[in-house]
Amino acid sequence: MEDYRSRRKAQARQTEQAILQAAMDLSRKQSFDKVSIREICQQAGITTGAFYHHFRSKENLLSRGFAPLDSYLEQSLAGYEDEPPALRLRRLLVNYAEFLENLGWELVARYYQRRLDAPDDTASMDSSRFTLRAMASCLEQAEAEGGLLPGWSAEWTADFLFRHFRGVVIDWALHRGSYRLLAKLEQDYTLFSHVFHTG
C-alpha cells in the first residue's frame, strides 16, 4: 500500500512539472494571457480534467511559477557539492539568471504581479525551497570555514543576497528585458564576493 502511495505521489509531481513546463514553453512563444488551458494540456499530453485536478485555474500556475526553477538549479548544482562555497554560489547565480532569461521578462513580470495581487501566497519565500537552501548552505559553509568577513553572518548574508538578486530581476522586468540579466547579476556578484575572504 505504501509503495502504491509513493508511486501515485511521484506521478502527481511528474504531471505538475509537465503542466508547469508546458505553460512556460508556450509562454515563450506568446504572452501568458494568450495561452489557453487547452493548449497547455495538449503540450503536456494530459486531459483538461487532469489539469484541474492539480491547478484551480491558469492563474494558479503563477503561484507555483518558480517550482521548475528549483528543479533546474538542483540539477545544475548536482556534482558540484565539493566546490568552494564562493564558486558554488556563483554557479547558482549564473544558472538562476540563465533560467529567468530563458523564461522571458514578460512571464517573470506576470509572476511578480500575481505575487502582489495574492499577498497570502508565500510559496516563493518558503525556506525549504532548493534555491534558498542552496544559497544558505554555501554561506554557512563559508562561515564555518572562516571564509566570511567578520560581522556578516551566513543567515543575514543569504537573506540580503536573495533580496538583492530578486530586486535586480524585478528591475530587469521593469526595463522589459532591455539588458542582460546575467551580466548585471555577475557584475553585482563581483562586488558582493568581497564578503568572502581567504584567510
C-alpha atoms as a PDB file:
ATOM      1  CA  MET A   1       0.000   0.000   0.000  1.00  0.00           C
ATOM      2  CA  GLU A   2       2.821   2.401   0.927  1.00  0.00           C
ATOM      3  CA  ASP A   3       4.589   1.620  -2.368  1.00  0.00           C
ATOM      4  CA  TYR A   4       1.383   2.454  -4.289  1.00  0.00           C
ATOM      5  CA  ARG A   5       1.048   5.786  -2.463  1.00  0.00           C
ATOM      6  CA  SER A   6       4.680   6.660  -3.225  1.00  0.00           C
ATOM      7  CA  ARG A   7       4.171   5.874  -6.903  1.00  0.00           C
ATOM      8  CA  ARG A   8       0.986   7.993  -7.013  1.00  0.00           C
ATOM      9  CA  LYS A   9       2.780  10.920  -5.340  1.00  0.00           C
ATOM     10  CA  ALA A  10       5.685  10.699  -7.780  1.00  0.00           C
ATOM     11  CA  GLN A  11       3.243  10.510 -10.700  1.00  0.00           C
ATOM     12  CA  ALA A  12       1.369  13.580  -9.404  1.00  0.00           C
ATOM     13  CA  ARG A  13       4.635  15.545  -9.100  1.00  0.00           C
ATOM     14  CA  GLN A  14       5.594  14.486 -12.615  1.00  0.00           C
ATOM     15  CA  THR A  15       2.238  15.659 -14.016  1.00  0.00           C
ATOM     16  CA  GLU A  16       2.501  19.006 -12.207  1.00  0.00           C
ATOM     17  CA  GLN A  17       6.018  19.518 -13.579  1.00  0.00           C
ATOM     18  CA  ALA A  18       4.787  18.675 -17.101  1.00  0.00           C
ATOM     19  CA  ILE A  19       1.969  21.233 -16.803  1.00  0.00           C
ATOM     20  CA  LEU A  20       4.283  23.960 -15.496  1.00  0.00           C
ATOM     21  CA  GLN A  21       6.881  23.210 -18.176  1.00  0.00           C
ATOM     22  CA  ALA A  22       4.241  23.280 -20.921  1.00  0.00           C
ATOM     23  CA  ALA A  23       2.922  26.631 -19.691  1.00  0.00           C
ATOM     24  CA  MET A  24       6.451  28.067 -19.641  1.00  0.00           C
ATOM     25  CA  ASP A  25       7.297  26.754 -23.110  1.00  0.00           C
ATOM     26  CA  LEU A  26       4.088  28.155 -24.606  1.00  0.00           C
ATOM     27  CA  SER A  27       4.536  31.500 -22.832  1.00  0.00           C
ATOM     28  CA  ARG A  28       7.905  31.961 -24.536  1.00  0.00           C
ATOM     29  CA  LYS A  29       6.124  31.941 -27.914  1.00  0.00           C
ATOM     30  CA  GLN A  30       3.210  34.185 -26.940  1.00  0.00           C
ATOM     31  CA  SER A  31       2.143  36.056 -23.817  1.00  0.00           C
ATOM     32  CA  PHE A  32       0.894  34.037 -20.846  1.00  0.00           C
ATOM     33  CA  ASP A  33      -2.514  35.714 -21.101  1.00  0.00           C
ATOM     34  CA  LYS A  34      -2.993  34.377 -24.642  1.00  0.00           C
ATOM     35  CA  VAL A  35      -2.062  30.783 -23.775  1.00  0.00           C
ATOM     36  CA  SER A  36      -5.159  28.636 -23.185  1.00  0.00           C
ATOM     37  CA  ILE A  37      -5.571  25.747 -20.751  1.00  0.00           C
ATOM     38  CA  ARG A  38      -6.408  23.550 -23.735  1.00  0.00           C
ATOM     39  CA  GLU A  39      -3.037  24.399 -25.334  1.00  0.00           C
ATOM     40  CA  ILE A  40      -1.225  23.693 -22.059  1.00  0.00           C
ATOM     41  CA  CYS A  41      -2.941  20.311 -21.787  1.00  0.00           C
ATOM     42  CA  GLN A  42      -2.084  19.415 -25.388  1.00  0.00           C
ATOM     43  CA  GLN A  43       1.551  20.371 -24.860  1.00  0.00           C
ATOM     44  CA  ALA A  44       1.742  18.424 -21.570  1.00  0.00           C
ATOM     45  CA  GLY A  45      -0.073  15.406 -23.050  1.00  0.00           C
ATOM     46  CA  ILE A  46      -2.825  15.393 -20.422  1.00  0.00           C
ATOM     47  CA  THR A  47      -6.586  15.884 -20.253  1.00  0.00           C
ATOM     48  CA  THR A  48      -8.278  19.086 -19.096  1.00  0.00           C
ATOM     49  CA  GLY A  49      -9.628  17.121 -16.128  1.00  0.00           C
ATOM     50  CA  ALA A  50      -6.074  16.228 -15.107  1.00  0.00           C
ATOM     51  CA  PHE A  51      -5.140  19.922 -15.282  1.00  0.00           C
ATOM     52  CA  TYR A  52      -7.965  20.899 -12.919  1.00  0.00           C
ATOM     53  CA  HIS A  53      -7.030  18.063 -10.574  1.00  0.00           C
ATOM     54  CA  HIS A  54      -3.686  19.828  -9.999  1.00  0.00           C
ATOM     55  CA  PHE A  55      -4.487  23.524 -10.530  1.00  0.00           C
ATOM     56  CA  ARG A  56      -7.646  25.567  -9.892  1.00  0.00           C
ATOM     57  CA  SER A  57      -7.009  27.905 -12.831  1.00  0.00           C
ATOM     58  CA  LYS A  58      -4.360  29.118 -15.252  1.00  0.00           C
ATOM     59  CA  GLU A  59      -3.595  31.962 -12.830  1.00  0.00           C
ATOM     60  CA  ASN A  60      -2.911  29.358 -10.165  1.00  0.00           C
ATOM     61  CA  LEU A  61       0.084  28.243 -12.249  1.00  0.00           C
ATOM     62  CA  LEU A  62       1.753  31.545 -11.418  1.00  0.00           C
ATOM     63  CA  SER A  63       1.621  30.682  -7.719  1.00  0.00           C
ATOM     64  CA  ARG A  64       3.850  27.722  -8.495  1.00  0.00           C
ATOM     65  CA  GLY A  65       5.850  29.643 -11.068  1.00  0.00           C
ATOM     66  CA  PHE A  66       9.321  29.026  -9.683  1.00  0.00           C
ATOM     67  CA  ALA A  67       8.951  25.339  -8.845  1.00  0.00           C
ATOM     68  CA  PRO A  68      10.693  24.469 -12.158  1.00  0.00           C
ATOM     69  CA  LEU A  69      13.466  26.931 -11.240  1.00  0.00           C
ATOM     70  CA  ASP A  70      14.252  24.945  -8.094  1.00  0.00           C
ATOM     71  CA  SER A  71      14.362  21.689 -10.081  1.00  0.00           C
ATOM     72  CA  TYR A  72      16.596  23.300 -12.719  1.00  0.00           C
ATOM     73  CA  LEU A  73      19.018  24.656 -10.119  1.00  0.00           C
ATOM     74  CA  GLU A  74      19.136  21.368  -8.241  1.00  0.00           C
ATOM     75  CA  GLN A  75      20.148  19.598 -11.471  1.00  0.00           C
ATOM     76  CA  SER A  76      22.649  22.361 -12.341  1.00  0.00           C
ATOM     77  CA  LEU A  77      24.426  22.095  -8.986  1.00  0.00           C
ATOM     78  CA  ALA A  78      24.469  18.284  -8.846  1.00  0.00           C
ATOM     79  CA  GLY A  79      28.050  17.040  -8.856  1.00  0.00           C
ATOM     80  CA  TYR A  80      29.493  20.353  -7.654  1.00  0.00           C
ATOM     81  CA  GLU A  81      28.900  19.814  -3.932  1.00  0.00           C
ATOM     82  CA  ASP A  82      32.672  19.802  -3.234  1.00  0.00           C
ATOM     83  CA  GLU A  83      33.336  23.139  -4.926  1.00  0.00           C
ATOM     84  CA  PRO A  84      34.419  26.021  -2.655  1.00  0.00           C
ATOM     85  CA  PRO A  85      31.297  27.876  -1.438  1.00  0.00           C
ATOM     86  CA  ALA A  86      32.069  31.113  -3.323  1.00  0.00           C
ATOM     87  CA  LEU A  87      32.294  29.202  -6.630  1.00  0.00           C
ATOM     88  CA  ARG A  88      29.155  27.200  -5.866  1.00  0.00           C
ATOM     89  CA  LEU A  89      27.247  30.382  -5.043  1.00  0.00           C
ATOM     90  CA  ARG A  90      28.375  31.921  -8.339  1.00  0.00           C
ATOM     91  CA  ARG A  91      27.278  28.774 -10.208  1.00  0.00           C
ATOM     92  CA  LEU A  92      23.864  29.059  -8.517  1.00  0.00           C
ATOM     93  CA  LEU A  93      23.601  32.700  -9.549  1.00  0.00           C
ATOM     94  CA  VAL A  94      24.609  32.066 -13.183  1.00  0.00           C
ATOM     95  CA  ASN A  95      22.060  29.266 -13.598  1.00  0.00           C
ATOM     96  CA  TYR A  96      19.393  31.347 -11.813  1.00  0.00           C
ATOM     97  CA  ALA A  97      19.915  34.208 -14.297  1.00  0.00           C
ATOM     98  CA  GLU A  98      20.008  31.900 -17.325  1.00  0.00           C
ATOM     99  CA  PHE A  99      16.756  30.213 -16.307  1.00  0.00           C
ATOM    100  CA  LEU A 100      14.945  33.535 -15.893  1.00  0.00           C
ATOM    101  CA  GLU A 101      16.309  34.973 -19.141  1.00  0.00           C
ATOM    102  CA  ASN A 102      15.071  31.872 -20.971  1.00  0.00           C
ATOM    103  CA  LEU A 103      11.697  32.316 -19.259  1.00  0.00           C
ATOM    104  CA  GLY A 104      11.495  35.898 -20.533  1.00  0.00           C
ATOM    105  CA  TRP A 105      10.806  39.167 -18.780  1.00  0.00           C
ATOM    106  CA  GLU A 106       7.042  39.124 -19.551  1.00  0.00           C
ATOM    107  CA  LEU A 107       6.351  35.875 -17.729  1.00  0.00           C
ATOM    108  CA  VAL A 108       8.596  36.911 -14.839  1.00  0.00           C
ATOM    109  CA  ALA A 109       6.658  40.192 -14.614  1.00  0.00           C
ATOM    110  CA  ARG A 110       3.334  38.287 -14.575  1.00  0.00           C
ATOM    111  CA  TYR A 111       4.648  36.076 -11.796  1.00  0.00           C
ATOM    112  CA  TYR A 112       5.552  39.042  -9.580  1.00  0.00           C
ATOM    113  CA  GLN A 113       2.282  40.784 -10.431  1.00  0.00           C
ATOM    114  CA  ARG A 114       0.470  37.659  -9.219  1.00  0.00           C
ATOM    115  CA  ARG A 115       2.532  37.725  -6.007  1.00  0.00           C
ATOM    116  CA  LEU A 116       1.447  41.317  -5.339  1.00  0.00           C
ATOM    117  CA  ASP A 117      -2.205  40.508  -6.100  1.00  0.00           C
ATOM    118  CA  ALA A 118      -2.134  37.487  -3.768  1.00  0.00           C
ATOM    119  CA  PRO A 119      -0.078  38.579  -0.727  1.00  0.00           C
ATOM    120  CA  ASP A 120      -1.084  35.448   1.220  1.00  0.00           C
ATOM    121  CA  ASP A 121       0.787  33.310  -1.303  1.00  0.00           C
ATOM    122  CA  THR A 122       4.182  32.832   0.330  1.00  0.00           C
ATOM    123  CA  ALA A 123       5.363  29.739  -1.579  1.00  0.00           C
ATOM    124  CA  SER A 124       8.312  31.564  -3.169  1.00  0.00           C
ATOM    125  CA  MET A 125       9.532  32.594   0.298  1.00  0.00           C
ATOM    126  CA  ASP A 126       9.376  29.044   1.679  1.00  0.00           C
ATOM    127  CA  SER A 127      12.753  28.378   3.334  1.00  0.00           C
ATOM    128  CA  SER A 128      12.563  24.724   2.259  1.00  0.00           C
ATOM    129  CA  ARG A 129      12.880  25.747  -1.425  1.00  0.00           C
ATOM    130  CA  PHE A 130      16.061  24.397  -3.008  1.00  0.00           C
ATOM    131  CA  THR A 131      17.241  27.821  -4.218  1.00  0.00           C
ATOM    132  CA  LEU A 132      17.093  29.322  -0.714  1.00  0.00           C
ATOM    133  CA  ARG A 133      18.602  26.232   0.940  1.00  0.00           C
ATOM    134  CA  ALA A 134      21.455  26.051  -1.594  1.00  0.00           C
ATOM    135  CA  MET A 135      22.342  29.714  -1.115  1.00  0.00           C
ATOM    136  CA  ALA A 136      22.224  29.414   2.681  1.00  0.00           C
ATOM    137  CA  SER A 137      24.299  26.220   2.547  1.00  0.00           C
ATOM    138  CA  CYS A 138      27.096  27.942   0.584  1.00  0.00           C
ATOM    139  CA  LEU A 139      27.240  30.779   3.084  1.00  0.00           C
ATOM    140  CA  GLU A 140      27.011  28.513   6.144  1.00  0.00           C
ATOM    141  CA  GLN A 141      29.970  26.507   4.832  1.00  0.00           C
ATOM    142  CA  ALA A 142      31.932  29.693   4.176  1.00  0.00           C
ATOM    143  CA  GLU A 143      31.148  30.918   7.700  1.00  0.00           C
ATOM    144  CA  ALA A 144      32.192  27.577   9.269  1.00  0.00           C
ATOM    145  CA  GLU A 145      35.486  27.680   7.345  1.00  0.00           C
ATOM    146  CA  GLY A 146      36.153  31.273   8.422  1.00  0.00           C
ATOM    147  CA  GLY A 147      35.520  32.414   4.885  1.00  0.00           C
ATOM    148  CA  LEU A 148      33.098  35.259   5.596  1.00  0.00           C
ATOM    149  CA  LEU A 149      34.197  38.678   6.757  1.00  0.00           C
ATOM    150  CA  PRO A 150      33.586  39.241  10.486  1.00  0.00           C
ATOM    151  CA  GLY A 151      30.159  40.642  11.295  1.00  0.00           C
ATOM    152  CA  TRP A 152      28.460  39.050   8.274  1.00  0.00           C
ATOM    153  CA  SER A 153      26.503  36.035   9.493  1.00  0.00           C
ATOM    154  CA  ALA A 154      25.551  33.390   6.930  1.00  0.00           C
ATOM    155  CA  GLU A 155      21.853  33.864   7.709  1.00  0.00           C
ATOM    156  CA  TRP A 156      21.923  37.635   7.240  1.00  0.00           C
ATOM    157  CA  THR A 157      24.088  37.431   4.100  1.00  0.00           C
ATOM    158  CA  ALA A 158      21.841  34.810   2.470  1.00  0.00           C
ATOM    159  CA  ASP A 159      18.767  36.924   3.179  1.00  0.00           C
ATOM    160  CA  PHE A 160      20.464  40.074   1.868  1.00  0.00           C
ATOM    161  CA  LEU A 161      21.740  38.432  -1.330  1.00  0.00           C
ATOM    162  CA  PHE A 162      18.386  36.835  -2.081  1.00  0.00           C
ATOM    163  CA  ARG A 163      16.552  40.144  -1.587  1.00  0.00           C
ATOM    164  CA  HIS A 164      19.063  41.984  -3.762  1.00  0.00           C
ATOM    165  CA  PHE A 165      19.021  39.469  -6.597  1.00  0.00           C
ATOM    166  CA  ARG A 166      15.226  39.349  -6.565  1.00  0.00           C
ATOM    167  CA  GLY A 167      15.267  43.164  -6.797  1.00  0.00           C
ATOM    168  CA  VAL A 168      17.551  43.017  -9.845  1.00  0.00           C
ATOM    169  CA  VAL A 169      15.172  40.526 -11.505  1.00  0.00           C
ATOM    170  CA  ILE A 170      12.231  42.880 -10.887  1.00  0.00           C
ATOM    171  CA  ASP A 171      14.267  45.807 -12.264  1.00  0.00           C
ATOM    172  CA  TRP A 172      15.091  43.724 -15.357  1.00  0.00           C
ATOM    173  CA  ALA A 173      11.359  43.023 -15.848  1.00  0.00           C
ATOM    174  CA  LEU A 174      10.529  46.721 -15.354  1.00  0.00           C
ATOM    175  CA  HIS A 175      13.078  47.526 -18.076  1.00  0.00           C
ATOM    176  CA  ARG A 176      11.356  44.924 -20.296  1.00  0.00           C
ATOM    177  CA  GLY A 177      14.450  42.769 -20.531  1.00  0.00           C
ATOM    178  CA  SER A 178      16.419  45.574 -22.207  1.00  0.00           C
ATOM    179  CA  TYR A 179      19.694  44.433 -20.602  1.00  0.00           C
ATOM    180  CA  ARG A 180      21.297  41.054 -19.996  1.00  0.00           C
ATOM    181  CA  LEU A 181      20.226  39.848 -16.574  1.00  0.00           C
ATOM    182  CA  LEU A 182      23.215  37.519 -16.248  1.00  0.00           C
ATOM    183  CA  ALA A 183      25.701  40.330 -16.970  1.00  0.00           C
ATOM    184  CA  LYS A 184      24.071  42.563 -14.338  1.00  0.00           C
ATOM    185  CA  LEU A 185      23.984  39.848 -11.655  1.00  0.00           C
ATOM    186  CA  GLU A 186      27.585  38.824 -12.362  1.00  0.00           C
ATOM    187  CA  GLN A 187      28.671  42.457 -12.050  1.00  0.00           C
ATOM    188  CA  ASP A 188      26.893  42.757  -8.703  1.00  0.00           C
ATOM    189  CA  TYR A 189      28.282  39.416  -7.515  1.00  0.00           C
ATOM    190  CA  THR A 190      31.825  40.685  -8.150  1.00  0.00           C
ATOM    191  CA  LEU A 191      31.146  43.380  -5.558  1.00  0.00           C
ATOM    192  CA  PHE A 192      29.382  41.049  -3.126  1.00  0.00           C
ATOM    193  CA  SER A 193      32.144  38.434  -3.380  1.00  0.00           C
ATOM    194  CA  HIS A 194      34.226  40.693  -1.142  1.00  0.00           C
ATOM    195  CA  VAL A 195      32.218  39.369   1.817  1.00  0.00           C
ATOM    196  CA  PHE A 196      34.320  36.230   1.295  1.00  0.00           C
ATOM    197  CA  HIS A 197      37.944  36.198   2.310  1.00  0.00           C
ATOM    198  CA  THR A 198      40.587  33.549   2.021  1.00  0.00           C
ATOM    199  CA  GLY A 199      42.292  33.967   5.320  1.00  0.00           C
END
